[in-house]
Amino acid sequence: MRDNPVSQKELAGRGWICTRRGLGKHARYAHRDGWMLEHCGHATALTPWILRDRDGRMILTGAAGEHKNPEFGTAWPTLRAATDYVATITMKIDLSKISDADLAREWTRRLNLKRDPKNAGRKKTIKPCPYCGEPFGARDLRLHVPHCPKR
């Protein structure tokens, strides 16, 4: 039993534009977020749709499967299946449901990440050395303890 075909209007609503005119084996689509979708060219192919991510890597049906591995599976059997998968990856977030404090915190975190990538993210957890009592971050403490002079 065949899937209902996806109309050009529905594709446009999902963010896809037809970049190569033609139906069936000559069709090619581009998504507003950089995804590419094209027919393999074989008129009788069972899984004809090739999906490529923003970096040009081929994403197979395993990406939508149980293990979420894009390197397993086959090409996409229908245009609808491929576009449904991309829709789950590129979902738009409703910012009205996120508190202003959370938005401000995330904005500050990303701004700091651009300025200084090494220091962005979580703050260091400072703990004292069990032998000498000097404060260290977790990684520095692991390096310090075996060589602590008071050990």
N, C-alpha and C. Protein backbone atom coordinates (compact mmCIF):
# COMPACT_ATOMS: atom_id res chain seq x y z
N MET A 1 0.84 -1.18 0.00
CA MET A 1 0.00 0.00 0.00
C MET A 1 0.88 1.24 0.00
N ARG A 2 0.65 2.15 -0.91
CA ARG A 2 1.47 3.34 -1.05
C ARG A 2 1.05 4.44 -0.09
N ASP A 3 2.03 5.22 0.29
CA ASP A 3 1.80 6.40 1.10
C ASP A 3 1.10 7.47 0.27
N ASN A 4 0.34 8.34 0.92
CA ASN A 4 -0.21 9.48 0.20
C ASN A 4 0.95 10.38 -0.22
N PRO A 5 1.01 10.82 -1.46
CA PRO A 5 2.11 11.69 -1.87
C PRO A 5 2.05 13.04 -1.17
N VAL A 6 3.22 13.64 -1.00
CA VAL A 6 3.31 14.95 -0.37
C VAL A 6 3.16 16.01 -1.46
N SER A 7 2.28 16.96 -1.23
CA SER A 7 2.08 18.02 -2.23
C SER A 7 3.20 19.06 -2.13
N GLN A 8 3.39 19.82 -3.20
CA GLN A 8 4.39 20.88 -3.20
C GLN A 8 4.07 21.94 -2.14
N LYS A 9 2.79 22.18 -1.93
CA LYS A 9 2.36 23.16 -0.93
C LYS A 9 2.73 22.68 0.48
N GLU A 10 2.51 21.38 0.73
CA GLU A 10 2.86 20.82 2.04
C GLU A 10 4.37 20.85 2.26
N LEU A 11 5.14 20.54 1.21
CA LEU A 11 6.59 20.60 1.31
C LEU A 11 7.06 22.02 1.62
N ALA A 12 6.47 22.99 0.96
CA ALA A 12 6.83 24.40 1.19
C ALA A 12 6.51 24.79 2.63
N GLY A 13 5.41 24.29 3.17
CA GLY A 13 5.05 24.56 4.56
C GLY A 13 6.03 23.96 5.54
N ARG A 14 6.69 22.87 5.15
CA ARG A 14 7.68 22.22 6.00
C ARG A 14 9.08 22.81 5.80
N GLY A 15 9.21 23.78 4.90
CA GLY A 15 10.50 24.43 4.70
C GLY A 15 11.32 23.89 3.54
N TRP A 16 10.71 23.09 2.66
CA TRP A 16 11.42 22.52 1.52
C TRP A 16 11.11 23.30 0.25
N ILE A 17 12.14 23.51 -0.59
CA ILE A 17 11.94 24.16 -1.88
C ILE A 17 12.44 23.20 -2.96
N CYS A 18 11.74 23.16 -4.06
CA CYS A 18 12.15 22.32 -5.18
C CYS A 18 13.29 23.03 -5.92
N THR A 19 14.47 22.40 -5.97
CA THR A 19 15.60 23.03 -6.64
C THR A 19 15.82 22.48 -8.04
N ARG A 20 15.21 21.35 -8.34
CA ARG A 20 15.27 20.81 -9.69
C ARG A 20 13.87 20.42 -10.09
N ARG A 21 13.36 21.06 -11.09
CA ARG A 21 11.99 20.78 -11.54
C ARG A 21 11.88 19.37 -12.08
N GLY A 22 10.71 18.85 -11.96
CA GLY A 22 10.45 17.50 -12.45
C GLY A 22 9.88 16.65 -11.34
N LEU A 23 9.13 15.68 -11.71
CA LEU A 23 8.55 14.79 -10.72
C LEU A 23 9.30 13.47 -10.75
N GLY A 24 9.15 12.71 -9.70
CA GLY A 24 9.73 11.38 -9.67
C GLY A 24 11.24 11.39 -9.67
N LYS A 25 11.83 10.72 -10.66
CA LYS A 25 13.26 10.45 -10.62
C LYS A 25 14.15 11.67 -10.88
N HIS A 26 13.61 12.81 -11.20
CA HIS A 26 14.43 13.99 -11.45
C HIS A 26 14.30 15.04 -10.35
N ALA A 27 13.56 14.76 -9.31
CA ALA A 27 13.28 15.78 -8.28
C ALA A 27 14.44 15.95 -7.32
N ARG A 28 14.62 17.19 -6.87
CA ARG A 28 15.61 17.52 -5.85
C ARG A 28 15.05 18.65 -5.01
N TYR A 29 15.22 18.55 -3.68
CA TYR A 29 14.67 19.54 -2.76
C TYR A 29 15.76 20.01 -1.79
N ALA A 30 15.63 21.25 -1.36
CA ALA A 30 16.53 21.82 -0.35
C ALA A 30 15.69 22.35 0.80
N HIS A 31 16.15 22.12 2.03
CA HIS A 31 15.45 22.60 3.22
C HIS A 31 16.05 23.93 3.66
N ARG A 32 15.26 24.76 4.33
CA ARG A 32 15.74 26.08 4.76
C ARG A 32 16.90 25.98 5.76
N ASP A 33 17.05 24.81 6.42
CA ASP A 33 18.15 24.62 7.38
C ASP A 33 19.36 23.92 6.78
N GLY A 34 19.37 23.73 5.46
CA GLY A 34 20.54 23.18 4.80
C GLY A 34 20.47 21.72 4.40
N TRP A 35 19.40 21.02 4.73
CA TRP A 35 19.26 19.62 4.34
C TRP A 35 18.98 19.52 2.84
N MET A 36 19.42 18.43 2.21
CA MET A 36 19.16 18.19 0.79
C MET A 36 18.48 16.84 0.65
N LEU A 37 17.57 16.75 -0.31
CA LEU A 37 16.82 15.52 -0.56
C LEU A 37 16.70 15.35 -2.06
N GLU A 38 17.16 14.22 -2.59
CA GLU A 38 17.06 14.02 -4.03
C GLU A 38 16.72 12.57 -4.35
N HIS A 39 16.12 12.39 -5.49
CA HIS A 39 15.78 11.06 -5.98
C HIS A 39 17.03 10.43 -6.56
N CYS A 40 17.18 9.12 -6.40
CA CYS A 40 18.40 8.45 -6.86
C CYS A 40 18.47 8.35 -8.39
N GLY A 41 17.35 8.48 -9.07
CA GLY A 41 17.35 8.43 -10.52
C GLY A 41 16.79 7.14 -11.12
N HIS A 42 16.60 6.14 -10.30
CA HIS A 42 16.04 4.87 -10.79
C HIS A 42 14.52 4.91 -10.66
N ALA A 43 13.84 4.71 -11.75
CA ALA A 43 12.38 4.82 -11.75
C ALA A 43 11.71 3.73 -10.93
N THR A 44 12.34 2.56 -10.78
CA THR A 44 11.71 1.45 -10.07
C THR A 44 12.34 1.18 -8.71
N ALA A 45 13.13 2.09 -8.19
CA ALA A 45 13.80 1.89 -6.90
C ALA A 45 12.77 1.81 -5.77
N LEU A 46 13.03 0.89 -4.82
CA LEU A 46 12.13 0.74 -3.67
C LEU A 46 12.42 1.79 -2.60
N THR A 47 13.66 2.21 -2.49
CA THR A 47 14.03 3.25 -1.53
C THR A 47 14.83 4.32 -2.28
N PRO A 48 14.13 5.20 -2.99
CA PRO A 48 14.81 6.10 -3.92
C PRO A 48 15.30 7.44 -3.36
N TRP A 49 14.90 7.82 -2.16
CA TRP A 49 15.19 9.19 -1.70
C TRP A 49 16.47 9.24 -0.88
N ILE A 50 17.41 10.06 -1.33
CA ILE A 50 18.71 10.24 -0.67
C ILE A 50 18.63 11.53 0.15
N LEU A 51 18.84 11.40 1.45
CA LEU A 51 18.78 12.54 2.36
C LEU A 51 20.20 12.88 2.80
N ARG A 52 20.57 14.15 2.69
CA ARG A 52 21.89 14.61 3.11
C ARG A 52 21.73 15.71 4.15
N ASP A 53 22.55 15.65 5.20
CA ASP A 53 22.47 16.67 6.25
C ASP A 53 23.21 17.94 5.82
N ARG A 54 23.34 18.88 6.74
CA ARG A 54 23.96 20.17 6.42
C ARG A 54 25.40 20.04 5.95
N ASP A 55 26.09 18.99 6.41
CA ASP A 55 27.50 18.79 6.05
C ASP A 55 27.67 17.92 4.80
N GLY A 56 26.56 17.50 4.20
CA GLY A 56 26.62 16.69 2.99
C GLY A 56 26.69 15.19 3.24
N ARG A 57 26.64 14.76 4.50
CA ARG A 57 26.66 13.32 4.81
C ARG A 57 25.31 12.70 4.52
N MET A 58 25.32 11.48 3.97
CA MET A 58 24.07 10.78 3.69
C MET A 58 23.48 10.25 5.00
N ILE A 59 22.21 10.51 5.22
CA ILE A 59 21.51 10.04 6.41
C ILE A 59 20.55 8.94 5.97
N LEU A 60 20.76 7.73 6.49
CA LEU A 60 19.94 6.58 6.13
C LEU A 60 18.79 6.40 7.11
N THR A 61 17.89 5.46 6.81
CA THR A 61 16.70 5.26 7.63
C THR A 61 17.01 4.81 9.05
N GLY A 62 18.22 4.33 9.30
CA GLY A 62 18.60 3.94 10.65
C GLY A 62 18.56 5.10 11.63
N ALA A 63 18.66 6.32 11.12
CA ALA A 63 18.62 7.50 11.98
C ALA A 63 17.27 7.64 12.68
N ALA A 64 16.21 7.17 12.03
CA ALA A 64 14.88 7.26 12.62
C ALA A 64 14.51 5.97 13.34
N GLY A 65 15.41 4.99 13.32
CA GLY A 65 15.13 3.69 13.93
C GLY A 65 15.39 3.67 15.42
N GLU A 66 15.41 2.46 15.94
CA GLU A 66 15.55 2.25 17.38
C GLU A 66 16.88 2.76 17.93
N HIS A 67 17.96 2.56 17.18
CA HIS A 67 19.30 2.91 17.67
C HIS A 67 19.77 4.30 17.24
N LYS A 68 18.97 5.00 16.43
CA LYS A 68 19.27 6.37 15.99
C LYS A 68 20.65 6.48 15.32
N ASN A 69 21.01 5.47 14.50
CA ASN A 69 22.30 5.48 13.82
C ASN A 69 22.09 5.83 12.34
N PRO A 70 22.54 7.00 11.89
CA PRO A 70 22.31 7.43 10.51
C PRO A 70 23.13 6.66 9.48
N GLU A 71 24.06 5.80 9.93
CA GLU A 71 24.87 5.03 8.98
C GLU A 71 24.26 3.66 8.69
N PHE A 72 23.19 3.30 9.36
CA PHE A 72 22.54 2.01 9.13
C PHE A 72 21.25 2.23 8.35
N GLY A 73 20.79 1.18 7.72
CA GLY A 73 19.51 1.23 7.02
C GLY A 73 19.69 1.43 5.52
N THR A 74 18.65 1.95 4.91
CA THR A 74 18.64 2.16 3.47
C THR A 74 18.32 3.62 3.20
N ALA A 75 18.26 3.97 1.93
CA ALA A 75 17.77 5.30 1.57
C ALA A 75 16.29 5.35 1.97
N TRP A 76 15.68 6.49 1.86
CA TRP A 76 14.31 6.67 2.34
C TRP A 76 13.30 6.19 1.32
N PRO A 77 12.29 5.42 1.75
CA PRO A 77 11.33 4.86 0.79
C PRO A 77 10.37 5.89 0.21
N THR A 78 10.02 6.91 0.99
CA THR A 78 9.07 7.91 0.49
C THR A 78 9.56 9.31 0.86
N LEU A 79 9.08 10.26 0.12
CA LEU A 79 9.39 11.66 0.39
C LEU A 79 8.83 12.07 1.75
N ARG A 80 7.67 11.55 2.07
CA ARG A 80 7.03 11.89 3.36
C ARG A 80 7.87 11.39 4.53
N ALA A 81 8.39 10.17 4.44
CA ALA A 81 9.19 9.61 5.53
C ALA A 81 10.44 10.46 5.78
N ALA A 82 11.11 10.86 4.71
CA ALA A 82 12.33 11.66 4.84
C ALA A 82 12.02 13.04 5.40
N THR A 83 10.98 13.68 4.91
CA THR A 83 10.65 15.02 5.40
C THR A 83 10.11 14.98 6.83
N ASP A 84 9.42 13.90 7.20
CA ASP A 84 8.98 13.75 8.59
C ASP A 84 10.18 13.65 9.53
N TYR A 85 11.20 12.89 9.11
CA TYR A 85 12.39 12.76 9.94
C TYR A 85 13.06 14.12 10.13
N VAL A 86 13.24 14.87 9.06
CA VAL A 86 13.89 16.18 9.15
C VAL A 86 13.06 17.12 10.03
N ALA A 87 11.73 17.00 9.96
CA ALA A 87 10.86 17.84 10.79
C ALA A 87 11.09 17.57 12.27
N THR A 88 11.38 16.32 12.65
CA THR A 88 11.64 16.01 14.06
C THR A 88 12.99 16.56 14.50
N ILE A 89 13.94 16.67 13.59
CA ILE A 89 15.28 17.16 13.93
C ILE A 89 15.29 18.68 14.02
N THR A 90 14.56 19.34 13.14
CA THR A 90 14.62 20.81 13.06
C THR A 90 13.37 21.46 13.63
N MET A 91 12.81 20.88 14.69
CA MET A 91 11.60 21.45 15.28
C MET A 91 11.88 22.85 15.80
N LYS A 92 10.94 23.73 15.62
CA LYS A 92 11.06 25.09 16.14
C LYS A 92 10.60 25.10 17.60
N ILE A 93 11.30 25.86 18.42
CA ILE A 93 10.99 25.94 19.84
C ILE A 93 10.09 27.15 20.07
N ASP A 94 9.04 26.95 20.87
CA ASP A 94 8.14 28.04 21.23
C ASP A 94 8.76 28.79 22.41
N LEU A 95 9.33 29.95 22.15
CA LEU A 95 10.03 30.70 23.18
C LEU A 95 9.10 31.27 24.24
N SER A 96 7.82 31.34 23.96
CA SER A 96 6.89 31.88 24.95
C SER A 96 6.73 30.94 26.15
N LYS A 97 7.13 29.68 25.99
CA LYS A 97 7.00 28.71 27.09
C LYS A 97 8.26 28.62 27.94
N ILE A 98 9.30 29.38 27.58
CA ILE A 98 10.56 29.36 28.33
C ILE A 98 10.63 30.65 29.15
N SER A 99 11.02 30.51 30.41
CA SER A 99 11.06 31.69 31.29
C SER A 99 12.14 32.66 30.83
N ASP A 100 11.96 33.94 31.17
CA ASP A 100 12.93 34.96 30.80
C ASP A 100 14.28 34.69 31.44
N ALA A 101 14.28 34.19 32.67
CA ALA A 101 15.53 33.91 33.38
C ALA A 101 16.33 32.82 32.66
N ASP A 102 15.62 31.76 32.21
CA ASP A 102 16.29 30.67 31.48
C ASP A 102 16.84 31.16 30.15
N LEU A 103 16.08 32.00 29.46
CA LEU A 103 16.55 32.55 28.18
C LEU A 103 17.78 33.42 28.39
N ALA A 104 17.76 34.25 29.42
CA ALA A 104 18.89 35.13 29.70
C ALA A 104 20.13 34.31 30.06
N ARG A 105 19.95 33.26 30.86
CA ARG A 105 21.06 32.39 31.25
C ARG A 105 21.67 31.71 30.03
N GLU A 106 20.83 31.20 29.15
CA GLU A 106 21.32 30.53 27.94
C GLU A 106 22.00 31.52 27.00
N TRP A 107 21.44 32.71 26.88
CA TRP A 107 22.03 33.74 26.03
C TRP A 107 23.43 34.11 26.55
N THR A 108 23.56 34.29 27.86
CA THR A 108 24.84 34.63 28.46
C THR A 108 25.84 33.50 28.27
N ARG A 109 25.39 32.27 28.45
CA ARG A 109 26.28 31.11 28.28
C ARG A 109 26.83 31.05 26.86
N ARG A 110 25.97 31.25 25.87
CA ARG A 110 26.41 31.20 24.48
C ARG A 110 27.31 32.38 24.13
N LEU A 111 27.02 33.53 24.70
CA LEU A 111 27.87 34.70 24.46
C LEU A 111 29.27 34.45 25.02
N ASN A 112 29.35 33.90 26.23
CA ASN A 112 30.64 33.58 26.83
C ASN A 112 31.38 32.50 26.04
N LEU A 113 30.65 31.57 25.48
CA LEU A 113 31.25 30.50 24.68
C LEU A 113 31.92 31.09 23.44
N LYS A 114 31.30 32.11 22.84
CA LYS A 114 31.90 32.75 21.68
C LYS A 114 33.16 33.53 22.07
N ARG A 115 33.11 34.18 23.22
CA ARG A 115 34.26 35.00 23.66
C ARG A 115 35.45 34.15 24.06
N ASP A 116 35.19 33.13 24.90
CA ASP A 116 36.27 32.31 25.44
C ASP A 116 35.79 30.86 25.56
N PRO A 117 35.97 30.05 24.52
CA PRO A 117 35.43 28.69 24.52
C PRO A 117 35.94 27.81 25.66
N LYS A 118 37.15 28.08 26.16
CA LYS A 118 37.70 27.23 27.23
C LYS A 118 36.97 27.43 28.55
N ASN A 119 36.54 28.65 28.82
CA ASN A 119 35.93 28.96 30.11
C ASN A 119 34.41 28.94 30.09
N ALA A 120 33.80 28.70 28.94
CA ALA A 120 32.34 28.69 28.88
C ALA A 120 31.81 27.37 29.43
N GLY A 121 30.54 27.35 29.74
CA GLY A 121 29.92 26.12 30.23
C GLY A 121 29.79 26.13 31.73
N ARG A 122 29.86 24.95 32.32
CA ARG A 122 29.69 24.82 33.77
C ARG A 122 30.84 25.43 34.53
N LYS A 123 30.54 25.95 35.70
CA LYS A 123 31.60 26.48 36.56
C LYS A 123 32.34 25.31 37.19
N LYS A 124 33.62 25.55 37.52
CA LYS A 124 34.42 24.50 38.15
C LYS A 124 33.89 24.20 39.55
N THR A 125 33.91 22.93 39.91
CA THR A 125 33.60 22.53 41.27
C THR A 125 34.92 22.49 42.02
N ILE A 126 35.06 23.32 43.00
CA ILE A 126 36.32 23.43 43.74
C ILE A 126 36.21 22.57 45.00
N LYS A 127 37.22 21.68 45.18
CA LYS A 127 37.27 20.84 46.37
C LYS A 127 38.68 20.92 46.96
N PRO A 128 38.78 20.81 48.28
CA PRO A 128 40.11 20.86 48.89
C PRO A 128 40.81 19.50 48.78
N CYS A 129 42.12 19.55 48.70
CA CYS A 129 42.92 18.32 48.70
C CYS A 129 42.76 17.67 50.07
N PRO A 130 42.54 16.35 50.14
CA PRO A 130 42.36 15.70 51.45
C PRO A 130 43.63 15.72 52.30
N TYR A 131 44.78 16.00 51.73
CA TYR A 131 46.03 15.98 52.48
C TYR A 131 46.51 17.38 52.87
N CYS A 132 46.58 18.30 51.90
CA CYS A 132 47.12 19.62 52.20
C CYS A 132 46.03 20.70 52.33
N GLY A 133 44.83 20.42 51.87
CA GLY A 133 43.73 21.36 52.01
C GLY A 133 43.66 22.44 50.95
N GLU A 134 44.57 22.44 49.95
CA GLU A 134 44.53 23.44 48.88
C GLU A 134 43.32 23.19 47.98
N PRO A 135 42.66 24.26 47.52
CA PRO A 135 41.49 24.08 46.64
C PRO A 135 41.90 23.78 45.19
N PHE A 136 41.20 22.80 44.58
CA PHE A 136 41.45 22.42 43.19
C PHE A 136 40.14 22.09 42.50
N GLY A 137 40.13 22.24 41.19
CA GLY A 137 39.04 21.72 40.38
C GLY A 137 39.19 20.20 40.30
N ALA A 138 38.17 19.49 39.83
CA ALA A 138 38.18 18.03 39.83
C ALA A 138 39.37 17.46 39.05
N ARG A 139 39.62 17.95 37.86
CA ARG A 139 40.72 17.42 37.05
C ARG A 139 42.08 17.73 37.69
N ASP A 140 42.23 18.96 38.17
CA ASP A 140 43.49 19.35 38.80
C ASP A 140 43.72 18.57 40.09
N LEU A 141 42.65 18.28 40.82
CA LEU A 141 42.77 17.51 42.07
C LEU A 141 43.26 16.10 41.78
N ARG A 142 42.73 15.48 40.71
CA ARG A 142 43.19 14.12 40.35
C ARG A 142 44.69 14.12 40.01
N LEU A 143 45.17 15.20 39.40
CA LEU A 143 46.59 15.28 39.06
C LEU A 143 47.44 15.61 40.30
N HIS A 144 46.88 16.37 41.21
CA HIS A 144 47.64 16.83 42.38
C HIS A 144 47.80 15.75 43.45
N VAL A 145 46.75 15.00 43.75
CA VAL A 145 46.75 14.07 44.90
C VAL A 145 47.92 13.08 44.87
N PRO A 146 48.26 12.42 43.75
CA PRO A 146 49.37 11.48 43.80
C PRO A 146 50.73 12.14 44.10
N HIS A 147 50.85 13.43 43.82
CA HIS A 147 52.12 14.13 44.02
C HIS A 147 52.08 15.14 45.17
N CYS A 148 51.04 15.07 45.99
CA CYS A 148 50.88 16.04 47.09
C CYS A 148 52.05 15.89 48.06
N PRO A 149 52.70 17.01 48.42
CA PRO A 149 53.87 16.93 49.32
C PRO A 149 53.50 16.48 50.74
N LYS A 150 52.26 16.63 51.17
CA LYS A 150 51.86 16.23 52.52
C LYS A 150 51.26 14.83 52.57
N ARG A 151 51.39 14.09 51.49
CA ARG A 151 50.82 12.74 51.42
C ARG A 151 51.74 11.76 52.07
